[in-house]
Amino acid sequence: MKFGAFELYPVSDGRFRLDGGAMFGVVPKVLWDKCCHADELNRIPLSLTCLLIRAHGKNILLDTGLGSKEDDKFHRMFAIERTPTLLDSLKRWGVEPEDVDLVINTHLHFDHAGGNSRRRANGTLSPTFPKARYVIQRGEYDDASRANERTKASYRLANFAPIAEAHQWEFLDGDTEVVPGVTALVTAGHTRCHQGIKIESEGHAAFYLGDLIPTVSHLPLPYIMGYDLFPVQTLETKRWVLDRAFEEHWLLLFEHDPLIQAGHVKRDLEGKYFLQEVNAWP
């Protein structure tokens, strides 16, 4: 998609499945199963759609998917299908790992930061993108580094420690314009310092949602994941983002929806939001 002076490309790291009940929290299955039918293990399909931004002569990557480090047991548990992989998707647009200038993680859960690092032939870990600055909220990195019993299954040291060892992390403290037109906004709720990425160019605005609103089915305000550490805060953050997106005509970019990647929110007569899909990807 041509987006003002920028170019936006969805880049996939494949698909996986998560428990439907966990994905919809307190919402009963009789409601969410209508839009996200579960398999025999109660798992629903999800995409791993990262985003490549070409801006100011730089290749900027938002999130890195699951990566290739996990074992067969992990792959079976989450029904992972990495076809295509993130690196294959980038290569389609002529981008090699050495060509990526900037990686911005929304947060450090394994399905958003797994591709940050990769395993070498000798078994050691190194950053997947050797010349890139990796950008994260300082608070998110601190929470990942001090994971507790509630969070340690989502935060895997192998996804962020190699970046620290290579001195490639750049830490943010709150809302920050990372490069002109690409701004990290703290969208707390899923984690304490989760961030969404606002993209602005020549009067156009888009917002990469990460796990704030993982799929189109999560647009209703009370549809909040059981994985969210601060669900009431998620509710208020969603309300703020959806109101801004409607009023200012933001293009919303979804990371986990298996069918829809982007769209604009509209409001019905009852004040509820729904999505008008955009099919303008190359």
Protein backbone atom coordinates (compact mmCIF):
# COMPACT_ATOMS: atom_id res chain seq x y z
CA MET A 1 0.00 0.00 0.00
CA LYS A 2 1.25 3.46 -0.90
CA PHE A 3 0.64 5.50 2.22
CA GLY A 4 1.47 9.15 1.67
CA ALA A 5 5.22 9.24 1.16
CA PHE A 6 5.58 5.85 2.88
CA GLU A 7 5.01 2.28 1.73
CA LEU A 8 3.35 -0.35 3.94
CA TYR A 9 3.72 -4.09 3.41
CA PRO A 10 2.13 -6.84 5.53
CA VAL A 11 4.76 -9.52 6.17
CA SER A 12 3.67 -12.86 7.57
CA ASP A 13 5.38 -15.29 9.92
CA GLY A 14 2.64 -17.85 9.35
CA ARG A 15 -0.23 -18.84 11.64
CA PHE A 16 -0.83 -20.45 15.00
CA ARG A 17 -3.68 -21.25 17.37
CA LEU A 18 -4.54 -20.15 20.91
CA ASP A 19 -7.27 -21.21 23.30
CA GLY A 20 -10.49 -19.46 22.36
CA GLY A 21 -11.58 -18.94 25.95
CA ALA A 22 -8.29 -17.26 26.79
CA MET A 23 -8.57 -15.08 23.70
CA PHE A 24 -12.01 -13.76 24.72
CA GLY A 25 -11.77 -13.69 28.51
CA VAL A 26 -15.17 -13.34 30.20
CA VAL A 27 -17.11 -13.44 26.92
CA PRO A 28 -19.01 -16.79 26.76
CA LYS A 29 -18.09 -19.27 24.05
CA VAL A 30 -21.66 -19.24 22.74
CA LEU A 31 -20.93 -15.67 21.59
CA TRP A 32 -17.33 -15.79 20.38
CA ASP A 33 -17.66 -19.16 18.66
CA LYS A 34 -19.98 -17.53 16.12
CA CYS A 35 -17.10 -15.50 14.70
CA CYS A 36 -14.07 -17.62 15.63
CA HIS A 37 -14.91 -21.30 15.40
CA ALA A 38 -12.68 -23.42 17.65
CA ASP A 39 -11.04 -26.74 16.83
CA GLU A 40 -11.39 -29.94 18.89
CA LEU A 41 -8.87 -28.56 21.41
CA ASN A 42 -10.81 -25.26 21.74
CA ARG A 43 -8.14 -23.35 19.82
CA ILE A 44 -8.90 -20.62 17.28
CA PRO A 45 -6.72 -19.71 14.25
CA LEU A 46 -4.66 -16.54 14.38
CA SER A 47 -2.32 -14.87 11.94
CA LEU A 48 1.16 -13.53 12.63
CA THR A 49 1.07 -10.39 10.51
CA CYS A 50 4.01 -8.08 11.09
CA LEU A 51 4.40 -4.84 9.15
CA LEU A 52 7.22 -3.51 6.98
CA ILE A 53 7.32 0.26 6.61
CA ARG A 54 9.52 1.89 4.00
CA ALA A 55 10.05 5.49 5.10
CA HIS A 56 12.89 8.01 4.83
CA GLY A 57 14.98 5.46 2.94
CA LYS A 58 14.77 3.00 5.85
CA ASN A 59 13.22 -0.44 6.33
CA ILE A 60 11.23 -0.42 9.58
CA LEU A 61 9.77 -3.68 10.89
CA LEU A 62 6.91 -3.80 13.41
CA ASP A 63 7.06 -7.03 15.46
CA THR A 64 8.82 -10.23 14.41
CA GLY A 65 6.37 -13.11 14.88
CA LEU A 66 7.23 -16.45 16.47
CA GLY A 67 10.65 -17.07 14.94
CA SER A 68 12.33 -20.42 14.42
CA LYS A 69 13.84 -21.32 17.81
CA GLU A 70 11.02 -23.33 19.42
CA ASP A 71 10.90 -27.14 19.59
CA ASP A 72 8.41 -29.65 18.18
CA LYS A 73 6.36 -29.79 21.39
CA PHE A 74 5.83 -26.03 21.24
CA HIS A 75 4.83 -26.27 17.57
CA ARG A 76 2.26 -28.97 18.31
CA MET A 77 0.83 -27.13 21.32
CA PHE A 78 0.14 -23.99 19.29
CA ALA A 79 -0.49 -25.68 15.89
CA ILE A 80 2.17 -23.48 14.31
CA GLU A 81 2.29 -23.19 10.51
CA ARG A 82 5.22 -20.97 9.52
CA THR A 83 4.45 -20.82 5.82
CA PRO A 84 5.65 -18.35 4.89
CA THR A 85 8.23 -17.39 7.47
CA LEU A 86 8.93 -13.76 8.26
CA LEU A 87 12.28 -13.87 6.45
CA ASP A 88 10.64 -15.38 3.36
CA SER A 89 7.98 -12.67 3.48
CA LEU A 90 10.60 -9.93 3.71
CA LYS A 91 12.59 -11.47 0.88
CA ARG A 92 9.50 -11.24 -1.32
CA TRP A 93 9.89 -7.45 -1.08
CA GLY A 94 13.63 -7.58 -1.65
CA VAL A 95 14.57 -7.17 2.02
CA GLU A 96 17.29 -9.31 3.63
CA PRO A 97 17.94 -9.37 7.40
CA GLU A 98 20.91 -7.01 6.95
CA ASP A 99 18.63 -4.48 5.21
CA VAL A 100 16.36 -3.90 8.23
CA ASP A 101 17.25 -0.61 9.93
CA LEU A 102 14.73 -0.57 12.76
CA VAL A 103 12.66 -3.16 14.63
CA ILE A 104 9.86 -1.87 16.85
CA ASN A 105 8.28 -4.44 19.19
CA THR A 106 4.79 -3.71 20.48
CA HIS A 107 5.74 -5.88 23.47
CA LEU A 108 7.94 -8.90 24.18
CA HIS A 109 5.53 -11.86 24.22
CA PHE A 110 6.80 -14.84 22.25
CA ASP A 111 4.42 -14.37 19.31
CA HIS A 112 5.52 -10.75 18.80
CA ALA A 113 9.24 -10.95 19.56
CA GLY A 114 10.15 -14.55 18.74
CA GLY A 115 11.78 -13.52 15.49
CA ASN A 116 14.00 -10.95 17.21
CA SER A 117 16.76 -13.54 17.44
CA ARG A 118 17.76 -16.75 15.71
CA ARG A 119 19.94 -19.75 16.46
CA ARG A 120 23.22 -20.11 14.63
CA ALA A 121 24.59 -23.42 13.37
CA ASN A 122 26.80 -23.69 16.48
CA GLY A 123 23.74 -23.34 18.76
CA THR A 124 24.36 -19.79 19.95
CA LEU A 125 21.76 -17.05 19.63
CA SER A 126 22.19 -13.76 17.81
CA PRO A 127 19.95 -10.90 16.63
CA THR A 128 18.09 -11.82 13.44
CA PHE A 129 18.61 -8.29 12.13
CA PRO A 130 22.27 -7.53 12.80
CA LYS A 131 22.28 -3.87 11.77
CA ALA A 132 18.94 -2.84 13.26
CA ARG A 133 18.07 -0.78 16.30
CA TYR A 134 15.47 -2.67 18.33
CA VAL A 135 12.96 -0.37 20.03
CA ILE A 136 10.81 -1.16 23.08
CA GLN A 137 9.35 0.65 26.07
CA ARG A 138 11.81 0.47 28.97
CA GLY A 139 9.05 -0.66 31.30
CA GLU A 140 8.13 -3.54 28.99
CA TYR A 141 11.75 -4.73 28.91
CA ASP A 142 12.00 -4.47 32.69
CA ASP A 143 8.80 -6.48 33.15
CA ALA A 144 9.96 -9.14 30.71
CA SER A 145 13.33 -9.39 32.46
CA ARG A 146 11.59 -9.87 35.83
CA ALA A 147 8.78 -12.17 34.69
CA ASN A 148 6.75 -13.85 37.44
CA GLU A 149 4.66 -16.99 37.62
CA ARG A 150 1.81 -15.26 35.76
CA THR A 151 3.93 -13.89 32.90
CA LYS A 152 6.99 -16.12 32.42
CA ALA A 153 5.28 -18.43 29.91
CA SER A 154 4.88 -15.47 27.54
CA TYR A 155 8.27 -13.83 28.10
CA ARG A 156 11.12 -15.99 26.78
CA LEU A 157 14.63 -14.82 27.56
CA ALA A 158 15.96 -16.05 24.21
CA ASN A 159 13.82 -13.45 22.42
CA PHE A 160 15.33 -10.38 24.06
CA ALA A 161 18.58 -11.25 25.89
CA PRO A 162 20.60 -11.69 22.65
CA ILE A 163 19.58 -8.17 21.61
CA ALA A 164 20.88 -6.81 24.91
CA GLU A 165 24.14 -8.74 24.55
CA ALA A 166 24.63 -7.17 21.11
CA HIS A 167 23.81 -3.70 22.52
CA GLN A 168 21.04 -3.19 19.95
CA TRP A 169 18.18 -2.18 22.25
CA GLU A 170 16.88 1.37 22.30
CA PHE A 171 14.55 2.05 25.22
CA LEU A 172 11.64 4.47 25.20
CA ASP A 173 10.06 6.15 28.20
CA GLY A 174 6.52 6.92 27.10
CA ASP A 175 5.08 8.17 23.81
CA THR A 176 7.93 8.81 21.36
CA GLU A 177 8.31 9.69 17.69
CA VAL A 178 10.88 7.09 16.68
CA VAL A 179 11.42 8.52 13.20
CA PRO A 180 9.41 11.33 11.60
CA GLY A 181 5.89 10.03 11.05
CA VAL A 182 6.32 6.82 13.07
CA THR A 183 5.32 7.22 16.72
CA ALA A 184 5.18 4.67 19.53
CA LEU A 185 2.16 5.31 21.78
CA VAL A 186 1.79 3.49 25.08
CA THR A 187 -1.44 1.47 24.90
CA ALA A 188 -1.42 -0.17 28.30
CA GLY A 189 -3.67 -3.03 29.34
CA HIS A 190 -2.45 -6.19 27.68
CA THR A 191 0.83 -5.49 29.44
CA ARG A 192 1.76 -2.50 31.58
CA CYS A 193 3.82 -0.86 28.81
CA HIS A 194 2.40 -2.33 25.61
CA GLN A 195 2.75 0.11 22.70
CA GLY A 196 0.89 0.65 19.44
CA ILE A 197 2.52 2.30 16.45
CA LYS A 198 0.97 5.33 14.76
CA ILE A 199 2.04 5.98 11.17
CA GLU A 200 1.45 9.43 9.64
CA SER A 201 2.34 10.75 6.20
CA GLU A 202 0.88 13.47 3.99
CA GLY A 203 -2.39 13.69 5.90
CA HIS A 204 -2.89 9.92 6.23
CA ALA A 205 -2.84 8.10 9.58
CA ALA A 206 -2.67 4.40 10.41
CA PHE A 207 -2.37 2.53 13.70
CA TYR A 208 -0.74 -0.87 14.22
CA LEU A 209 -2.67 -2.34 17.14
CA GLY A 210 -0.50 -5.22 18.36
CA ASP A 211 -2.44 -7.03 21.09
CA LEU A 212 -4.63 -4.11 22.12
CA ILE A 213 -7.24 -5.27 19.58
CA PRO A 214 -5.74 -8.48 18.18
CA THR A 215 -8.54 -9.32 15.72
CA VAL A 216 -11.57 -7.63 14.22
CA SER A 217 -13.70 -9.83 16.49
CA HIS A 218 -12.21 -7.96 19.46
CA LEU A 219 -13.62 -4.56 18.38
CA PRO A 220 -16.50 -4.64 20.94
CA LEU A 221 -15.23 -2.94 24.08
CA PRO A 222 -15.87 -5.85 26.51
CA TYR A 223 -14.19 -8.40 24.20
CA ILE A 224 -10.88 -8.46 26.07
CA MET A 225 -8.38 -11.30 26.25
CA GLY A 226 -7.87 -13.36 29.37
CA TYR A 227 -4.16 -12.87 28.69
CA ASP A 228 -4.46 -9.14 29.43
CA LEU A 229 -2.80 -8.27 32.73
CA PHE A 230 -4.87 -5.10 33.25
CA PRO A 231 -8.23 -5.70 31.54
CA VAL A 232 -9.98 -2.59 32.86
CA GLN A 233 -7.13 -0.50 31.52
CA THR A 234 -7.43 -2.33 28.19
CA LEU A 235 -11.09 -1.29 28.11
CA GLU A 236 -10.28 2.40 28.51
CA THR A 237 -7.33 2.27 26.09
CA LYS A 238 -9.52 0.59 23.46
CA ARG A 239 -12.19 3.23 23.94
CA TRP A 240 -9.64 6.02 23.42
CA VAL A 241 -8.07 4.41 20.33
CA LEU A 242 -11.39 3.58 18.67
CA ASP A 243 -12.75 7.06 19.30
CA ARG A 244 -9.62 8.64 17.77
CA ALA A 245 -9.64 6.18 14.87
CA PHE A 246 -13.25 7.03 14.06
CA GLU A 247 -12.93 10.78 14.44
CA GLU A 248 -9.60 11.10 12.63
CA HIS A 249 -10.12 8.32 10.04
CA TRP A 250 -7.18 6.17 11.10
CA LEU A 251 -6.51 2.98 9.16
CA LEU A 252 -6.39 0.18 11.75
CA LEU A 253 -3.87 -2.61 11.16
CA PHE A 254 -4.58 -5.98 12.80
CA GLU A 255 -1.78 -8.36 13.75
CA HIS A 256 -3.68 -11.56 14.55
CA ASP A 257 -6.86 -11.58 12.46
CA PRO A 258 -6.69 -14.61 10.12
CA LEU A 259 -8.85 -12.98 7.43
CA ILE A 260 -8.69 -9.18 7.66
CA GLN A 261 -5.53 -7.10 7.86
CA ALA A 262 -6.77 -3.52 7.74
CA GLY A 263 -9.83 -1.29 7.82
CA HIS A 264 -11.54 1.85 9.06
CA VAL A 265 -13.92 1.83 12.01
CA LYS A 266 -17.48 3.03 11.54
CA ARG A 267 -20.15 3.66 14.19
CA ASP A 268 -23.70 2.31 14.00
CA LEU A 269 -26.85 3.98 15.31
CA GLU A 270 -26.32 2.46 18.76
CA GLY A 271 -22.80 3.88 18.97
CA LYS A 272 -21.10 0.51 18.49
CA TYR A 273 -18.05 0.25 16.28
CA PHE A 274 -17.68 -2.05 13.28
CA LEU A 275 -15.00 -2.35 10.61
CA GLN A 276 -15.04 -1.39 6.96
CA GLU A 277 -12.34 -3.61 5.48
CA VAL A 278 -9.68 -2.15 3.17
CA ASN A 279 -8.42 -4.38 0.36
CA ALA A 280 -5.59 -2.27 -1.01
CA TRP A 281 -2.58 -4.42 -0.24
CA PRO A 282 -0.38 -5.28 -3.24
